[in-house]
Amino acid sequence: MLALIEARLAQNDYLAGSMFTAADIMSVFSLTTMRLFHPVDLATYPNILEYLQRIGRRAGYQRAMTKGDPDLTQMLT
């Protein structure tokens, strides 16, 4: 799955293309918070890591994390 996401993000800024969509909202949990429960090293997936940084810079993501779980360490790297 990670290899497929990595390949997709090599061609696009977001999972469904150049625009942020529900596909990104639904997938970001698996690439971030879920790693607290099932650790995965993303070091070999540079496009995923860049994608997570792009998501993390979004004002909406920052607001949601502040409201939803302000004490959670964000897994964007």
Protein backbone atom coordinates (compact mmCIF):
# COMPACT_ATOMS: atom_id res chain seq x y z
CA MET A 1 0.00 0.00 0.00
CA LEU A 2 2.76 2.45 0.92
CA ALA A 3 4.54 1.83 -2.40
CA LEU A 4 1.31 2.63 -4.27
CA ILE A 5 0.78 5.84 -2.32
CA GLU A 6 4.44 6.78 -2.83
CA ALA A 7 4.13 6.28 -6.59
CA ARG A 8 0.90 8.29 -6.75
CA LEU A 9 2.45 11.18 -4.81
CA ALA A 10 5.46 11.17 -7.13
CA GLN A 11 3.04 12.33 -9.85
CA ASN A 12 0.60 14.47 -7.84
CA ASP A 13 0.53 16.82 -4.87
CA TYR A 14 -2.49 15.04 -3.42
CA LEU A 15 -3.98 11.57 -3.73
CA ALA A 16 -6.71 12.54 -6.20
CA GLY A 17 -4.54 14.93 -8.21
CA SER A 18 -3.56 18.55 -7.77
CA MET A 19 -6.36 19.45 -5.36
CA PHE A 20 -6.85 18.51 -1.69
CA THR A 21 -9.91 16.24 -1.45
CA ALA A 22 -11.75 13.85 0.85
CA ALA A 23 -9.28 11.14 -0.26
CA ASP A 24 -6.55 13.01 1.61
CA ILE A 25 -8.68 13.55 4.70
CA MET A 26 -9.56 9.85 4.83
CA SER A 27 -5.98 8.66 4.26
CA VAL A 28 -3.93 10.96 6.45
CA PHE A 29 -4.91 9.15 9.67
CA SER A 30 -3.38 5.91 8.40
CA LEU A 31 -0.14 7.70 7.55
CA THR A 32 0.08 9.66 10.81
CA THR A 33 -1.79 8.79 14.00
CA MET A 34 -2.13 5.09 13.18
CA ARG A 35 1.67 4.86 13.31
CA LEU A 36 1.42 5.36 17.08
CA PHE A 37 -0.32 1.97 17.27
CA HIS A 38 1.51 0.21 14.45
CA PRO A 39 4.95 1.83 13.90
CA VAL A 40 6.04 2.16 10.28
CA ASP A 41 9.28 3.79 9.16
CA LEU A 42 8.54 6.14 6.27
CA ALA A 43 12.20 7.00 5.63
CA THR A 44 12.17 5.18 2.30
CA TYR A 45 9.05 7.04 1.14
CA PRO A 46 10.17 10.63 0.45
CA ASN A 47 7.00 11.56 -1.45
CA ILE A 48 4.81 10.45 1.45
CA LEU A 49 6.94 12.44 3.90
CA GLU A 50 6.71 15.54 1.70
CA TYR A 51 2.96 15.00 1.40
CA LEU A 52 2.58 14.80 5.19
CA GLN A 53 4.50 18.06 5.57
CA ARG A 54 2.21 19.67 2.96
CA ILE A 55 -0.86 18.42 4.84
CA GLY A 56 0.57 19.59 8.17
CA ARG A 57 1.01 23.14 6.87
CA ARG A 58 -2.68 23.42 6.01
CA ALA A 59 -4.51 25.73 8.39
CA GLY A 60 -7.49 23.36 8.50
CA TYR A 61 -5.32 20.45 9.58
CA GLN A 62 -3.72 22.54 12.32
CA ARG A 63 -7.12 23.70 13.58
CA ALA A 64 -8.53 20.16 13.54
CA MET A 65 -5.58 18.76 15.48
CA THR A 66 -5.77 21.56 18.04
CA LYS A 67 -9.48 20.89 18.59
CA GLY A 68 -9.46 17.11 18.29
CA ASP A 69 -6.37 16.12 20.26
CA PRO A 70 -4.18 19.05 21.29
CA ASP A 71 -1.74 16.87 23.27
CA LEU A 72 -1.12 14.36 20.47
CA THR A 73 2.36 14.40 18.96
CA GLN A 74 1.78 14.79 15.25
CA MET A 75 3.40 12.08 13.12
CA LEU A 76 4.24 14.19 10.07
CA THR A 77 7.83 13.00 9.71
